[in-house]
Amino acid sequence: MVYPHSGTFNGTTTWLTAIVVGTGWHIFEGMSVADINTDGFDDIIAWDNDQEKSWIYLHSGTFDGTRTFRPALALGYGQDPWLFSTEWRRENADLVFVEFEGGDVIAFPHTNKFSGIDTWDVDAEWTVATGQFTRSTTLCALMIDLNGDGKDDLVKSMPNGYLMYYQFRGWGQSPGLAAPVTGTAGRAAGWPAPTRRRP
């Protein structure tokens, strides 16, 4: 379901009535949105943990109900619950995995061309962080540019109710994520203050 923005921030009327853009999505554990084929429209990556498969739905270029996204293309990656697409290296969406078993964060750079599973360079695998996102310490993870530098950082929620903020340090840096800063439901001491991006 897509809820188009009304153009005005106005409480419960901020978004318009939902429009169906696909059916049968109950098989997926998660989705990530990014412009994968660099045509200027956001695409969807969805993954099914039971079958250990992931799929990409390319945007048709037109917002038109169930014809908005083209038929699924198999990517072939089996996923833990969190997979992200983010512009960490250059202007195109790199692929980032959060692995439950070892708690690692793994990234693959975009090749700057769309070619199914070969869209990302698997030979250039980069371990961004190790052992910090295990099942026992992580309830949920998300990527967001928290410090306003134009690159997504990682945030995780913990079983004790705390949030942990990991600043992204730069592609190829060791480690790729800075030491975590603990927050609560709001901005805590040590969290970056909001900044306005310049156009």
C-alpha atoms as a PDB file:
ATOM      1  CA  MET A   1       0.000   0.000   0.000  1.00  0.00           C
ATOM      2  CA  VAL A   2       1.251   3.484  -0.862  1.00  0.00           C
ATOM      3  CA  TYR A   3      -0.064   6.523   0.977  1.00  0.00           C
ATOM      4  CA  PRO A   4       0.725   9.519  -1.266  1.00  0.00           C
ATOM      5  CA  HIS A   5       1.766  12.663   0.561  1.00  0.00           C
ATOM      6  CA  SER A   6      -0.822  15.452   0.448  1.00  0.00           C
ATOM      7  CA  GLY A   7       1.833  18.119   0.118  1.00  0.00           C
ATOM      8  CA  THR A   8       0.964  19.528   3.541  1.00  0.00           C
ATOM      9  CA  PHE A   9       2.015  18.405   7.005  1.00  0.00           C
ATOM     10  CA  ASN A  10      -1.351  18.294   8.736  1.00  0.00           C
ATOM     11  CA  GLY A  11      -1.723  15.514  11.308  1.00  0.00           C
ATOM     12  CA  THR A  12      -3.749  12.536  10.118  1.00  0.00           C
ATOM     13  CA  THR A  13      -4.467  14.186   6.764  1.00  0.00           C
ATOM     14  CA  THR A  14      -0.765  14.473   5.899  1.00  0.00           C
ATOM     15  CA  TRP A  15      -1.113  11.365   3.695  1.00  0.00           C
ATOM     16  CA  LEU A  16      -3.906  10.658   1.244  1.00  0.00           C
ATOM     17  CA  THR A  17      -5.963   7.477   0.900  1.00  0.00           C
ATOM     18  CA  ALA A  18      -3.891   4.331   0.382  1.00  0.00           C
ATOM     19  CA  ILE A  19      -3.392   2.933  -3.123  1.00  0.00           C
ATOM     20  CA  VAL A  20      -2.601  -0.751  -3.726  1.00  0.00           C
ATOM     21  CA  VAL A  21       0.611  -1.231  -5.723  1.00  0.00           C
ATOM     22  CA  GLY A  22       1.026  -4.986  -5.242  1.00  0.00           C
ATOM     23  CA  THR A  23      -0.449  -8.166  -3.752  1.00  0.00           C
ATOM     24  CA  GLY A  24       0.976 -11.327  -2.182  1.00  0.00           C
ATOM     25  CA  TRP A  25       3.651  -9.498  -0.213  1.00  0.00           C
ATOM     26  CA  HIS A  26       2.847 -11.375   3.008  1.00  0.00           C
ATOM     27  CA  ILE A  27       5.596 -13.889   2.186  1.00  0.00           C
ATOM     28  CA  PHE A  28       8.301 -11.288   2.765  1.00  0.00           C
ATOM     29  CA  GLU A  29      10.035 -10.558   6.061  1.00  0.00           C
ATOM     30  CA  GLY A  30      11.349  -7.183   5.036  1.00  0.00           C
ATOM     31  CA  MET A  31      11.794  -4.590   2.302  1.00  0.00           C
ATOM     32  CA  SER A  32      14.345  -1.938   1.425  1.00  0.00           C
ATOM     33  CA  VAL A  33      13.753   0.961  -0.961  1.00  0.00           C
ATOM     34  CA  ALA A  34      16.396   2.587  -3.175  1.00  0.00           C
ATOM     35  CA  ASP A  35      17.067   3.497  -6.791  1.00  0.00           C
ATOM     36  CA  ILE A  36      18.869   0.267  -7.706  1.00  0.00           C
ATOM     37  CA  ASN A  37      19.075   0.690 -11.492  1.00  0.00           C
ATOM     38  CA  THR A  38      19.878   4.431 -11.302  1.00  0.00           C
ATOM     39  CA  ASP A  39      16.925   5.603 -13.416  1.00  0.00           C
ATOM     40  CA  GLY A  40      15.760   8.186 -10.880  1.00  0.00           C
ATOM     41  CA  PHE A  41      12.906   6.081  -9.438  1.00  0.00           C
ATOM     42  CA  ASP A  42      13.011   4.128  -6.175  1.00  0.00           C
ATOM     43  CA  ASP A  43      12.853   0.341  -6.525  1.00  0.00           C
ATOM     44  CA  ILE A  44      12.070  -2.294  -3.879  1.00  0.00           C
ATOM     45  CA  ILE A  45      14.206  -5.159  -2.599  1.00  0.00           C
ATOM     46  CA  ALA A  46      12.192  -7.724  -0.636  1.00  0.00           C
ATOM     47  CA  TRP A  47      13.396 -10.885   1.068  1.00  0.00           C
ATOM     48  CA  ASP A  48      11.888 -14.170   2.159  1.00  0.00           C
ATOM     49  CA  ASN A  49      13.845 -15.771   5.009  1.00  0.00           C
ATOM     50  CA  ASP A  50      12.028 -19.113   4.755  1.00  0.00           C
ATOM     51  CA  GLN A  51      13.175 -19.649   1.179  1.00  0.00           C
ATOM     52  CA  GLU A  52      16.398 -17.702   1.701  1.00  0.00           C
ATOM     53  CA  LYS A  53      15.710 -15.657  -1.409  1.00  0.00           C
ATOM     54  CA  SER A  54      15.491 -11.984  -2.220  1.00  0.00           C
ATOM     55  CA  TRP A  55      13.834 -10.181  -5.100  1.00  0.00           C
ATOM     56  CA  ILE A  56      13.959  -6.789  -6.743  1.00  0.00           C
ATOM     57  CA  TYR A  57      10.920  -4.941  -8.073  1.00  0.00           C
ATOM     58  CA  LEU A  58      11.983  -2.222 -10.490  1.00  0.00           C
ATOM     59  CA  HIS A  59       9.888   0.933 -10.705  1.00  0.00           C
ATOM     60  CA  SER A  60       8.068   1.299 -14.017  1.00  0.00           C
ATOM     61  CA  GLY A  61       8.633   5.047 -14.094  1.00  0.00           C
ATOM     62  CA  THR A  62       4.923   5.743 -13.566  1.00  0.00           C
ATOM     63  CA  PHE A  63       2.825   5.708 -10.402  1.00  0.00           C
ATOM     64  CA  ASP A  64      -0.033   3.528 -11.674  1.00  0.00           C
ATOM     65  CA  GLY A  65      -1.482   1.211  -9.030  1.00  0.00           C
ATOM     66  CA  THR A  66      -0.365  -2.409  -9.396  1.00  0.00           C
ATOM     67  CA  ARG A  67       1.563  -1.477 -12.553  1.00  0.00           C
ATOM     68  CA  THR A  68       3.851   0.863 -10.610  1.00  0.00           C
ATOM     69  CA  PHE A  69       6.446  -1.873 -10.117  1.00  0.00           C
ATOM     70  CA  ARG A  70       7.574  -4.367 -12.732  1.00  0.00           C
ATOM     71  CA  PRO A  71       7.517  -8.165 -12.100  1.00  0.00           C
ATOM     72  CA  ALA A  72      10.026  -9.476  -9.562  1.00  0.00           C
ATOM     73  CA  LEU A  73      13.583 -10.377 -10.531  1.00  0.00           C
ATOM     74  CA  ALA A  74      15.417 -12.892  -8.341  1.00  0.00           C
ATOM     75  CA  LEU A  75      18.591 -11.663  -6.662  1.00  0.00           C
ATOM     76  CA  GLY A  76      19.441 -14.937  -4.945  1.00  0.00           C
ATOM     77  CA  TYR A  77      20.683 -13.625  -1.611  1.00  0.00           C
ATOM     78  CA  GLY A  78      19.364 -15.380   1.496  1.00  0.00           C
ATOM     79  CA  GLN A  79      18.771 -12.814   4.195  1.00  0.00           C
ATOM     80  CA  ASP A  80      18.775 -12.197   7.872  1.00  0.00           C
ATOM     81  CA  PRO A  81      15.958  -9.801   8.812  1.00  0.00           C
ATOM     82  CA  TRP A  82      17.824  -6.623   7.878  1.00  0.00           C
ATOM     83  CA  LEU A  83      19.089  -5.616   4.473  1.00  0.00           C
ATOM     84  CA  PHE A  84      19.605  -2.012   3.472  1.00  0.00           C
ATOM     85  CA  SER A  85      20.431  -0.070   0.332  1.00  0.00           C
ATOM     86  CA  THR A  86      22.353   3.107   0.981  1.00  0.00           C
ATOM     87  CA  GLU A  87      24.660   5.492  -0.864  1.00  0.00           C
ATOM     88  CA  TRP A  88      27.724   4.875   1.266  1.00  0.00           C
ATOM     89  CA  ARG A  89      30.406   4.812  -1.385  1.00  0.00           C
ATOM     90  CA  ARG A  90      29.243   6.972  -4.266  1.00  0.00           C
ATOM     91  CA  GLU A  91      25.958   8.054  -5.795  1.00  0.00           C
ATOM     92  CA  ASN A  92      24.433   4.591  -6.258  1.00  0.00           C
ATOM     93  CA  ALA A  93      22.867   2.259  -3.696  1.00  0.00           C
ATOM     94  CA  ASP A  94      25.333  -0.077  -2.019  1.00  0.00           C
ATOM     95  CA  LEU A  95      24.011  -3.247  -0.358  1.00  0.00           C
ATOM     96  CA  VAL A  96      24.343  -3.591   3.429  1.00  0.00           C
ATOM     97  CA  PHE A  97      23.552  -6.724   5.461  1.00  0.00           C
ATOM     98  CA  VAL A  98      23.147  -6.971   9.219  1.00  0.00           C
ATOM     99  CA  GLU A  99      23.972 -10.584  10.070  1.00  0.00           C
ATOM    100  CA  PHE A 100      22.381 -12.020  13.202  1.00  0.00           C
ATOM    101  CA  GLU A 101      24.632 -15.010  13.754  1.00  0.00           C
ATOM    102  CA  GLY A 102      27.917 -13.174  14.145  1.00  0.00           C
ATOM    103  CA  GLY A 103      26.416  -9.736  14.657  1.00  0.00           C
ATOM    104  CA  ASP A 104      28.431  -8.325  11.754  1.00  0.00           C
ATOM    105  CA  VAL A 105      27.595  -5.601   9.250  1.00  0.00           C
ATOM    106  CA  ILE A 106      28.673  -6.484   5.692  1.00  0.00           C
ATOM    107  CA  ALA A 107      28.602  -4.155   2.672  1.00  0.00           C
ATOM    108  CA  PHE A 108      28.924  -4.698  -1.085  1.00  0.00           C
ATOM    109  CA  PRO A 109      29.562  -1.728  -3.412  1.00  0.00           C
ATOM    110  CA  HIS A 110      27.265  -0.945  -6.330  1.00  0.00           C
ATOM    111  CA  THR A 111      28.952  -1.590  -9.697  1.00  0.00           C
ATOM    112  CA  ASN A 112      27.220   1.502 -11.161  1.00  0.00           C
ATOM    113  CA  LYS A 113      25.276  -0.675 -13.584  1.00  0.00           C
ATOM    114  CA  PHE A 114      22.185  -2.824 -13.106  1.00  0.00           C
ATOM    115  CA  SER A 115      22.820  -6.497 -13.799  1.00  0.00           C
ATOM    116  CA  GLY A 116      20.651  -8.598 -11.470  1.00  0.00           C
ATOM    117  CA  ILE A 117      22.692 -10.256  -8.741  1.00  0.00           C
ATOM    118  CA  ASP A 118      25.842  -8.798 -10.321  1.00  0.00           C
ATOM    119  CA  THR A 119      24.617  -5.256  -9.629  1.00  0.00           C
ATOM    120  CA  TRP A 120      26.811  -5.382  -6.521  1.00  0.00           C
ATOM    121  CA  ASP A 121      30.459  -6.425  -6.486  1.00  0.00           C
ATOM    122  CA  VAL A 122      30.502  -9.492  -4.219  1.00  0.00           C
ATOM    123  CA  ASP A 123      34.276  -9.761  -4.599  1.00  0.00           C
ATOM    124  CA  ALA A 124      34.638  -6.378  -2.882  1.00  0.00           C
ATOM    125  CA  GLU A 125      32.868  -7.468   0.339  1.00  0.00           C
ATOM    126  CA  TRP A 126      33.640  -5.130   3.234  1.00  0.00           C
ATOM    127  CA  THR A 127      33.092  -5.981   6.898  1.00  0.00           C
ATOM    128  CA  VAL A 128      31.893  -2.671   8.298  1.00  0.00           C
ATOM    129  CA  ALA A 129      31.527  -3.805  11.930  1.00  0.00           C
ATOM    130  CA  THR A 130      31.843  -7.073  13.838  1.00  0.00           C
ATOM    131  CA  GLY A 131      29.824  -8.642  16.638  1.00  0.00           C
ATOM    132  CA  GLN A 132      27.643  -5.642  17.524  1.00  0.00           C
ATOM    133  CA  PHE A 133      24.258  -6.621  16.033  1.00  0.00           C
ATOM    134  CA  THR A 134      23.507 -10.103  17.369  1.00  0.00           C
ATOM    135  CA  ARG A 135      20.008 -11.418  18.108  1.00  0.00           C
ATOM    136  CA  SER A 136      20.594 -11.071  21.841  1.00  0.00           C
ATOM    137  CA  THR A 137      21.493  -7.372  21.623  1.00  0.00           C
ATOM    138  CA  THR A 138      19.396  -6.128  18.709  1.00  0.00           C
ATOM    139  CA  LEU A 139      15.620  -5.903  18.465  1.00  0.00           C
ATOM    140  CA  CYS A 140      15.538  -3.685  15.410  1.00  0.00           C
ATOM    141  CA  ALA A 141      18.002  -1.855  13.181  1.00  0.00           C
ATOM    142  CA  LEU A 142      17.589   1.062  10.815  1.00  0.00           C
ATOM    143  CA  MET A 143      19.715   3.340   8.690  1.00  0.00           C
ATOM    144  CA  ILE A 144      19.264   7.096   8.927  1.00  0.00           C
ATOM    145  CA  ASP A 145      21.475  10.141   8.420  1.00  0.00           C
ATOM    146  CA  LEU A 146      21.413  11.153  12.067  1.00  0.00           C
ATOM    147  CA  ASN A 147      24.252  13.690  12.029  1.00  0.00           C
ATOM    148  CA  GLY A 148      23.332  15.416   8.765  1.00  0.00           C
ATOM    149  CA  ASP A 149      26.557  14.643   6.867  1.00  0.00           C
ATOM    150  CA  GLY A 150      24.720  13.102   3.902  1.00  0.00           C
ATOM    151  CA  LYS A 151      25.591   9.472   4.720  1.00  0.00           C
ATOM    152  CA  ASP A 152      23.346   7.010   6.548  1.00  0.00           C
ATOM    153  CA  ASP A 153      24.358   5.926  10.043  1.00  0.00           C
ATOM    154  CA  LEU A 154      23.161   2.798  11.865  1.00  0.00           C
ATOM    155  CA  VAL A 155      20.803   2.814  14.840  1.00  0.00           C
ATOM    156  CA  LYS A 156      19.655  -0.233  16.782  1.00  0.00           C
ATOM    157  CA  SER A 157      17.122  -0.728  19.553  1.00  0.00           C
ATOM    158  CA  MET A 158      18.096  -3.025  22.421  1.00  0.00           C
ATOM    159  CA  PRO A 159      16.062  -5.342  24.680  1.00  0.00           C
ATOM    160  CA  ASN A 160      16.590  -2.933  27.613  1.00  0.00           C
ATOM    161  CA  GLY A 161      14.819  -0.130  25.730  1.00  0.00           C
ATOM    162  CA  TYR A 162      17.892   1.875  24.797  1.00  0.00           C
ATOM    163  CA  LEU A 163      18.880   3.084  21.354  1.00  0.00           C
ATOM    164  CA  MET A 164      22.462   2.811  20.109  1.00  0.00           C
ATOM    165  CA  TYR A 165      23.767   5.216  17.460  1.00  0.00           C
ATOM    166  CA  TYR A 166      26.715   4.171  15.260  1.00  0.00           C
ATOM    167  CA  GLN A 167      28.089   6.970  13.089  1.00  0.00           C
ATOM    168  CA  PHE A 168      29.270   5.918   9.616  1.00  0.00           C
ATOM    169  CA  ARG A 169      32.951   6.869   9.302  1.00  0.00           C
ATOM    170  CA  GLY A 170      33.492   6.439   5.558  1.00  0.00           C
ATOM    171  CA  TRP A 171      33.829   3.692   2.974  1.00  0.00           C
ATOM    172  CA  GLY A 172      36.820   1.453   3.664  1.00  0.00           C
ATOM    173  CA  GLN A 173      37.540   2.938   7.080  1.00  0.00           C
ATOM    174  CA  SER A 174      38.505   0.535   9.854  1.00  0.00           C
ATOM    175  CA  PRO A 175      36.233   0.309  11.698  1.00  0.00           C
ATOM    176  CA  GLY A 176      33.500   1.526   9.387  1.00  0.00           C
ATOM    177  CA  LEU A 177      31.272   2.555  12.285  1.00  0.00           C
ATOM    178  CA  ALA A 178      32.294   4.786  15.172  1.00  0.00           C
ATOM    179  CA  ALA A 179      31.944   3.647  18.774  1.00  0.00           C
ATOM    180  CA  PRO A 180      28.243   3.563  19.705  1.00  0.00           C
ATOM    181  CA  VAL A 181      26.533   6.349  21.592  1.00  0.00           C
ATOM    182  CA  THR A 182      23.645   5.396  23.882  1.00  0.00           C
ATOM    183  CA  GLY A 183      20.371   7.265  23.748  1.00  0.00           C
ATOM    184  CA  THR A 184      16.842   6.771  25.034  1.00  0.00           C
ATOM    185  CA  ALA A 185      13.470   7.572  23.498  1.00  0.00           C
ATOM    186  CA  GLY A 186      14.624  11.119  22.807  1.00  0.00           C
ATOM    187  CA  ARG A 187      17.960  12.696  21.978  1.00  0.00           C
ATOM    188  CA  ALA A 188      20.345  11.925  24.807  1.00  0.00           C
ATOM    189  CA  ALA A 189      23.647  13.452  25.780  1.00  0.00           C
ATOM    190  CA  GLY A 190      26.232  12.648  23.141  1.00  0.00           C
ATOM    191  CA  TRP A 191      23.757  12.270  20.279  1.00  0.00           C
ATOM    192  CA  PRO A 192      24.305  14.750  17.430  1.00  0.00           C
ATOM    193  CA  ALA A 193      22.034  17.744  17.290  1.00  0.00           C
ATOM    194  CA  PRO A 194      19.805  17.972  14.196  1.00  0.00           C
ATOM    195  CA  THR A 195      21.356  19.900  11.327  1.00  0.00           C
ATOM    196  CA  ARG A 196      19.835  21.375   8.197  1.00  0.00           C
ATOM    197  CA  ARG A 197      21.329  20.108   4.934  1.00  0.00           C
ATOM    198  CA  ARG A 198      22.280  22.682   2.361  1.00  0.00           C
ATOM    199  CA  PRO A 199      20.797  22.087  -1.106  1.00  0.00           C
END
